[in-house]
Amino acid sequence: MNDPKHPIWPLARLIVLMATLTVILYMNANSFDSDEYDIVKWFLLAASGTVGMEYFLQKVLGGKNNA
């Protein structure tokens, strides 16, 4: 599990990122309504897409970090 190429690490970073975003939004909102849910949803989609694209490009381009 100490292998930096292990597929759990991008997922762990995504979870920490989303938890941080949610806490910041919750603490700054008067009421945690649909606007905040939309922000969390779109940010999750964008961050997941970025992680997925990074993994895809490493596989396709044969980067030195291949798993």
PDB file of N, CA and C in Angstrom:
ATOM      1  N   MET A   1       0.817  -1.204   0.000  1.00  0.00           N
ATOM      2  CA  MET A   1       0.000   0.000   0.000  1.00  0.00           C
ATOM      3  C   MET A   1       0.856   1.262   0.000  1.00  0.00           C
ATOM      4  N   ASN A   2       2.146   1.126   0.270  1.00  0.00           N
ATOM      5  CA  ASN A   2       3.027   2.288   0.249  1.00  0.00           C
ATOM      6  C   ASN A   2       3.494   2.638  -1.153  1.00  0.00           C
ATOM      7  N   ASP A   3       3.054   1.887  -2.144  1.00  0.00           N
ATOM      8  CA  ASP A   3       3.427   2.140  -3.527  1.00  0.00           C
ATOM      9  C   ASP A   3       2.707   3.393  -4.025  1.00  0.00           C
ATOM     10  N   PRO A   4       3.441   4.425  -4.450  1.00  0.00           N
ATOM     11  CA  PRO A   4       2.779   5.657  -4.913  1.00  0.00           C
ATOM     12  C   PRO A   4       1.974   5.459  -6.194  1.00  0.00           C
ATOM     13  N   LYS A   5       2.180   4.354  -6.913  1.00  0.00           N
ATOM     14  CA  LYS A   5       1.421   4.083  -8.139  1.00  0.00           C
ATOM     15  C   LYS A   5       0.125   3.341  -7.867  1.00  0.00           C
ATOM     16  N   HIS A   6      -0.124   2.996  -6.622  1.00  0.00           N
ATOM     17  CA  HIS A   6      -1.334   2.247  -6.280  1.00  0.00           C
ATOM     18  C   HIS A   6      -2.572   3.074  -6.634  1.00  0.00           C
ATOM     19  N   PRO A   7      -3.589   2.449  -7.238  1.00  0.00           N
ATOM     20  CA  PRO A   7      -4.767   3.215  -7.691  1.00  0.00           C
ATOM     21  C   PRO A   7      -5.609   3.818  -6.571  1.00  0.00           C
ATOM     22  N   ILE A   8      -5.343   3.510  -5.332  1.00  0.00           N
ATOM     23  CA  ILE A   8      -6.139   4.078  -4.237  1.00  0.00           C
ATOM     24  C   ILE A   8      -5.773   5.542  -3.973  1.00  0.00           C
ATOM     25  N   TRP A   9      -4.550   5.962  -4.302  1.00  0.00           N
ATOM     26  CA  TRP A   9      -4.116   7.311  -3.964  1.00  0.00           C
ATOM     27  C   TRP A   9      -4.876   8.405  -4.699  1.00  0.00           C
ATOM     28  N   PRO A  10      -5.135   8.288  -5.992  1.00  0.00           N
ATOM     29  CA  PRO A  10      -5.969   9.330  -6.627  1.00  0.00           C
ATOM     30  C   PRO A  10      -7.368   9.400  -6.019  1.00  0.00           C
ATOM     31  N   LEU A  11      -7.919   8.249  -5.650  1.00  0.00           N
ATOM     32  CA  LEU A  11      -9.233   8.231  -5.012  1.00  0.00           C
ATOM     33  C   LEU A  11      -9.178   8.895  -3.640  1.00  0.00           C
ATOM     34  N   ALA A  12      -8.131   8.621  -2.884  1.00  0.00           N
ATOM     35  CA  ALA A  12      -7.979   9.234  -1.563  1.00  0.00           C
ATOM     36  C   ALA A  12      -7.837  10.752  -1.680  1.00  0.00           C
ATOM     37  N   ARG A  13      -7.063  11.213  -2.663  1.00  0.00           N
ATOM     38  CA  ARG A  13      -6.924  12.665  -2.873  1.00  0.00           C
ATOM     39  C   ARG A  13      -8.254  13.287  -3.244  1.00  0.00           C
ATOM     40  N   LEU A  14      -9.029  12.602  -4.071  1.00  0.00           N
ATOM     41  CA  LEU A  14     -10.333  13.113  -4.473  1.00  0.00           C
ATOM     42  C   LEU A  14     -11.279  13.206  -3.279  1.00  0.00           C
ATOM     43  N   ILE A  15     -11.259  12.218  -2.412  1.00  0.00           N
ATOM     44  CA  ILE A  15     -12.116  12.234  -1.221  1.00  0.00           C
ATOM     45  C   ILE A  15     -11.739  13.390  -0.303  1.00  0.00           C
ATOM     46  N   VAL A  16     -10.443  13.594  -0.079  1.00  0.00           N
ATOM     47  CA  VAL A  16      -9.998  14.701   0.777  1.00  0.00           C
ATOM     48  C   VAL A  16     -10.374  16.045   0.154  1.00  0.00           C
ATOM     49  N   LEU A  17     -10.188  16.176  -1.149  1.00  0.00           N
ATOM     50  CA  LEU A  17     -10.549  17.404  -1.848  1.00  0.00           C
ATOM     51  C   LEU A  17     -12.036  17.707  -1.716  1.00  0.00           C
ATOM     52  N   MET A  18     -12.874  16.709  -1.945  1.00  0.00           N
ATOM     53  CA  MET A  18     -14.319  16.922  -1.884  1.00  0.00           C
ATOM     54  C   MET A  18     -14.787  17.189  -0.457  1.00  0.00           C
ATOM     55  N   ALA A  19     -14.195  16.514   0.512  1.00  0.00           N
ATOM     56  CA  ALA A  19     -14.558  16.768   1.907  1.00  0.00           C
ATOM     57  C   ALA A  19     -14.194  18.200   2.297  1.00  0.00           C
ATOM     58  N   THR A  20     -13.020  18.649   1.879  1.00  0.00           N
ATOM     59  CA  THR A  20     -12.598  20.019   2.177  1.00  0.00           C
ATOM     60  C   THR A  20     -13.533  21.038   1.526  1.00  0.00           C
ATOM     61  N   LEU A  21     -13.853  20.826   0.258  1.00  0.00           N
ATOM     62  CA  LEU A  21     -14.775  21.724  -0.438  1.00  0.00           C
ATOM     63  C   LEU A  21     -16.138  21.773   0.251  1.00  0.00           C
ATOM     64  N   THR A  22     -16.660  20.628   0.631  1.00  0.00           N
ATOM     65  CA  THR A  22     -17.976  20.567   1.267  1.00  0.00           C
ATOM     66  C   THR A  22     -17.973  21.290   2.607  1.00  0.00           C
ATOM     67  N   VAL A  23     -16.918  21.107   3.398  1.00  0.00           N
ATOM     68  CA  VAL A  23     -16.835  21.785   4.699  1.00  0.00           C
ATOM     69  C   VAL A  23     -16.745  23.298   4.504  1.00  0.00           C
ATOM     70  N   ILE A  24     -15.935  23.738   3.556  1.00  0.00           N
ATOM     71  CA  ILE A  24     -15.812  25.183   3.305  1.00  0.00           C
ATOM     72  C   ILE A  24     -17.150  25.770   2.858  1.00  0.00           C
ATOM     73  N   LEU A  25     -17.827  25.086   1.937  1.00  0.00           N
ATOM     74  CA  LEU A  25     -19.132  25.577   1.493  1.00  0.00           C
ATOM     75  C   LEU A  25     -20.142  25.592   2.639  1.00  0.00           C
ATOM     76  N   TYR A  26     -20.149  24.549   3.451  1.00  0.00           N
ATOM     77  CA  TYR A  26     -21.097  24.456   4.562  1.00  0.00           C
ATOM     78  C   TYR A  26     -20.861  25.580   5.575  1.00  0.00           C
ATOM     79  N   MET A  27     -19.603  25.859   5.861  1.00  0.00           N
ATOM     80  CA  MET A  27     -19.303  26.878   6.870  1.00  0.00           C
ATOM     81  C   MET A  27     -19.568  28.290   6.369  1.00  0.00           C
ATOM     82  N   ASN A  28     -19.561  28.498   5.057  1.00  0.00           N
ATOM     83  CA  ASN A  28     -19.773  29.844   4.511  1.00  0.00           C
ATOM     84  C   ASN A  28     -21.188  30.086   4.018  1.00  0.00           C
ATOM     85  N   ALA A  29     -22.029  29.076   4.010  1.00  0.00           N
ATOM     86  CA  ALA A  29     -23.387  29.226   3.492  1.00  0.00           C
ATOM     87  C   ALA A  29     -24.361  29.532   4.623  1.00  0.00           C
ATOM     88  N   ASN A  30     -25.325  30.389   4.320  1.00  0.00           N
ATOM     89  CA  ASN A  30     -26.390  30.632   5.286  1.00  0.00           C
ATOM     90  C   ASN A  30     -27.299  29.408   5.379  1.00  0.00           C
ATOM     91  N   SER A  31     -27.573  28.824   4.234  1.00  0.00           N
ATOM     92  CA  SER A  31     -28.329  27.565   4.196  1.00  0.00           C
ATOM     93  C   SER A  31     -27.736  26.711   3.087  1.00  0.00           C
ATOM     94  N   PHE A  32     -27.410  25.488   3.408  1.00  0.00           N
ATOM     95  CA  PHE A  32     -26.779  24.573   2.446  1.00  0.00           C
ATOM     96  C   PHE A  32     -27.884  24.067   1.528  1.00  0.00           C
ATOM     97  N   ASP A  33     -28.092  24.782   0.419  1.00  0.00           N
ATOM     98  CA  ASP A  33     -29.216  24.483  -0.465  1.00  0.00           C
ATOM     99  C   ASP A  33     -28.726  23.923  -1.803  1.00  0.00           C
ATOM    100  N   SER A  34     -29.576  23.992  -2.796  1.00  0.00           N
ATOM    101  CA  SER A  34     -29.286  23.371  -4.090  1.00  0.00           C
ATOM    102  C   SER A  34     -28.084  24.007  -4.791  1.00  0.00           C
ATOM    103  N   ASP A  35     -27.816  25.271  -4.522  1.00  0.00           N
ATOM    104  CA  ASP A  35     -26.644  25.897  -5.143  1.00  0.00           C
ATOM    105  C   ASP A  35     -25.350  25.221  -4.682  1.00  0.00           C
ATOM    106  N   GLU A  36     -25.247  24.975  -3.396  1.00  0.00           N
ATOM    107  CA  GLU A  36     -24.056  24.309  -2.884  1.00  0.00           C
ATOM    108  C   GLU A  36     -23.975  22.864  -3.371  1.00  0.00           C
ATOM    109  N   TYR A  37     -25.115  22.189  -3.441  1.00  0.00           N
ATOM    110  CA  TYR A  37     -25.113  20.819  -3.978  1.00  0.00           C
ATOM    111  C   TYR A  37     -24.642  20.808  -5.433  1.00  0.00           C
ATOM    112  N   ASP A  38     -25.071  21.801  -6.200  1.00  0.00           N
ATOM    113  CA  ASP A  38     -24.637  21.887  -7.594  1.00  0.00           C
ATOM    114  C   ASP A  38     -23.133  22.120  -7.696  1.00  0.00           C
ATOM    115  N   ILE A  39     -22.596  22.991  -6.848  1.00  0.00           N
ATOM    116  CA  ILE A  39     -21.159  23.246  -6.851  1.00  0.00           C
ATOM    117  C   ILE A  39     -20.391  21.968  -6.538  1.00  0.00           C
ATOM    118  N   VAL A  40     -20.816  21.251  -5.505  1.00  0.00           N
ATOM    119  CA  VAL A  40     -20.151  20.000  -5.128  1.00  0.00           C
ATOM    120  C   VAL A  40     -20.255  18.989  -6.269  1.00  0.00           C
ATOM    121  N   LYS A  41     -21.428  18.884  -6.881  1.00  0.00           N
ATOM    122  CA  LYS A  41     -21.632  17.923  -7.975  1.00  0.00           C
ATOM    123  C   LYS A  41     -20.727  18.234  -9.153  1.00  0.00           C
ATOM    124  N   TRP A  42     -20.707  19.485  -9.601  1.00  0.00           N
ATOM    125  CA  TRP A  42     -19.897  19.844 -10.761  1.00  0.00           C
ATOM    126  C   TRP A  42     -18.408  19.758 -10.468  1.00  0.00           C
ATOM    127  N   PHE A  43     -18.019  20.126  -9.264  1.00  0.00           N
ATOM    128  CA  PHE A  43     -16.616  20.032  -8.901  1.00  0.00           C
ATOM    129  C   PHE A  43     -16.181  18.570  -8.839  1.00  0.00           C
ATOM    130  N   LEU A  44     -17.038  17.695  -8.341  1.00  0.00           N
ATOM    131  CA  LEU A  44     -16.737  16.259  -8.309  1.00  0.00           C
ATOM    132  C   LEU A  44     -16.585  15.714  -9.726  1.00  0.00           C
ATOM    133  N   LEU A  45     -17.479  16.108 -10.623  1.00  0.00           N
ATOM    134  CA  LEU A  45     -17.373  15.660 -12.006  1.00  0.00           C
ATOM    135  C   LEU A  45     -16.085  16.159 -12.668  1.00  0.00           C
ATOM    136  N   ALA A  46     -15.754  17.416 -12.442  1.00  0.00           N
ATOM    137  CA  ALA A  46     -14.542  17.972 -13.038  1.00  0.00           C
ATOM    138  C   ALA A  46     -13.283  17.317 -12.463  1.00  0.00           C
ATOM    139  N   ALA A  47     -13.234  17.146 -11.168  1.00  0.00           N
ATOM    140  CA  ALA A  47     -12.063  16.539 -10.539  1.00  0.00           C
ATOM    141  C   ALA A  47     -11.929  15.070 -10.939  1.00  0.00           C
ATOM    142  N   SER A  48     -13.039  14.357 -11.006  1.00  0.00           N
ATOM    143  CA  SER A  48     -13.002  12.958 -11.432  1.00  0.00           C
ATOM    144  C   SER A  48     -12.552  12.838 -12.879  1.00  0.00           C
ATOM    145  N   GLY A  49     -13.030  13.737 -13.714  1.00  0.00           N
ATOM    146  CA  GLY A  49     -12.613  13.738 -15.112  1.00  0.00           C
ATOM    147  C   GLY A  49     -11.128  14.015 -15.258  1.00  0.00           C
ATOM    148  N   THR A  50     -10.610  14.911 -14.434  1.00  0.00           N
ATOM    149  CA  THR A  50      -9.186  15.215 -14.464  1.00  0.00           C
ATOM    150  C   THR A  50      -8.357  14.008 -14.048  1.00  0.00           C
ATOM    151  N   VAL A  51      -8.774  13.337 -12.985  1.00  0.00           N
ATOM    152  CA  VAL A  51      -8.067  12.139 -12.529  1.00  0.00           C
ATOM    153  C   VAL A  51      -8.145  11.045 -13.590  1.00  0.00           C
ATOM    154  N   GLY A  52      -9.305  10.864 -14.166  1.00  0.00           N
ATOM    155  CA  GLY A  52      -9.475   9.858 -15.210  1.00  0.00           C
ATOM    156  C   GLY A  52      -8.655  10.153 -16.446  1.00  0.00           C
ATOM    157  N   MET A  53      -8.623  11.411 -16.851  1.00  0.00           N
ATOM    158  CA  MET A  53      -7.848  11.798 -18.026  1.00  0.00           C
ATOM    159  C   MET A  53      -6.351  11.613 -17.772  1.00  0.00           C
ATOM    160  N   GLU A  54      -5.907  11.931 -16.564  1.00  0.00           N
ATOM    161  CA  GLU A  54      -4.498  11.730 -16.216  1.00  0.00           C
ATOM    162  C   GLU A  54      -4.132  10.250 -16.327  1.00  0.00           C
ATOM    163  N   TYR A  55      -4.974   9.389 -15.782  1.00  0.00           N
ATOM    164  CA  TYR A  55      -4.734   7.945 -15.838  1.00  0.00           C
ATOM    165  C   TYR A  55      -4.746   7.468 -17.289  1.00  0.00           C
ATOM    166  N   PHE A  56      -5.713   7.927 -18.068  1.00  0.00           N
ATOM    167  CA  PHE A  56      -5.833   7.533 -19.467  1.00  0.00           C
ATOM    168  C   PHE A  56      -4.602   7.956 -20.267  1.00  0.00           C
ATOM    169  N   LEU A  57      -4.165   9.202 -20.088  1.00  0.00           N
ATOM    170  CA  LEU A  57      -3.013   9.687 -20.833  1.00  0.00           C
ATOM    171  C   LEU A  57      -1.733   8.951 -20.448  1.00  0.00           C
ATOM    172  N   GLN A  58      -1.598   8.598 -19.196  1.00  0.00           N
ATOM    173  CA  GLN A  58      -0.431   7.823 -18.785  1.00  0.00           C
ATOM    174  C   GLN A  58      -0.424   6.461 -19.457  1.00  0.00           C
ATOM    175  N   LYS A  59      -1.574   5.847 -19.570  1.00  0.00           N
ATOM    176  CA  LYS A  59      -1.663   4.548 -20.227  1.00  0.00           C
ATOM    177  C   LYS A  59      -1.418   4.664 -21.727  1.00  0.00           C
ATOM    178  N   VAL A  60      -2.025   5.642 -22.379  1.00  0.00           N
ATOM    179  CA  VAL A  60      -1.936   5.777 -23.832  1.00  0.00           C
ATOM    180  C   VAL A  60      -0.545   6.247 -24.258  1.00  0.00           C
ATOM    181  N   LEU A  61      -0.021   7.240 -23.559  1.00  0.00           N
ATOM    182  CA  LEU A  61       1.264   7.800 -23.960  1.00  0.00           C
ATOM    183  C   LEU A  61       2.455   7.024 -23.417  1.00  0.00           C
ATOM    184  N   GLY A  62       2.191   6.035 -22.571  1.00  0.00           N
ATOM    185  CA  GLY A  62       3.279   5.202 -22.046  1.00  0.00           C
ATOM    186  C   GLY A  62       4.206   5.955 -21.118  1.00  0.00           C
ATOM    187  N   GLY A  63       3.620   6.758 -20.246  1.00  0.00           N
ATOM    188  CA  GLY A  63       4.429   7.524 -19.302  1.00  0.00           C
ATOM    189  C   GLY A  63       5.185   6.615 -18.354  1.00  0.00           C
ATOM    190  N   LYS A  64       6.166   7.175 -17.677  1.00  0.00           N
ATOM    191  CA  LYS A  64       7.000   6.378 -16.783  1.00  0.00           C
ATOM    192  C   LYS A  64       6.276   5.976 -15.508  1.00  0.00           C
ATOM    193  N   ASN A  65       5.079   6.509 -15.257  1.00  0.00           N
ATOM    194  CA  ASN A  65       4.304   6.170 -14.065  1.00  0.00           C
ATOM    195  C   ASN A  65       3.252   5.108 -14.317  1.00  0.00           C
ATOM    196  N   ASN A  66       3.397   4.319 -15.358  1.00  0.00           N
ATOM    197  CA  ASN A  66       2.395   3.297 -15.664  1.00  0.00           C
ATOM    198  C   ASN A  66       2.276   2.300 -14.539  1.00  0.00           C
ATOM    199  N   ALA A  67       1.052   1.882 -14.269  1.00  0.00           N
ATOM    200  CA  ALA A  67       0.818   0.886 -13.216  1.00  0.00           C
ATOM    201  C   ALA A  67       0.957  -0.513 -13.780  1.00  0.00           C
TER     202      ALA A  67
END
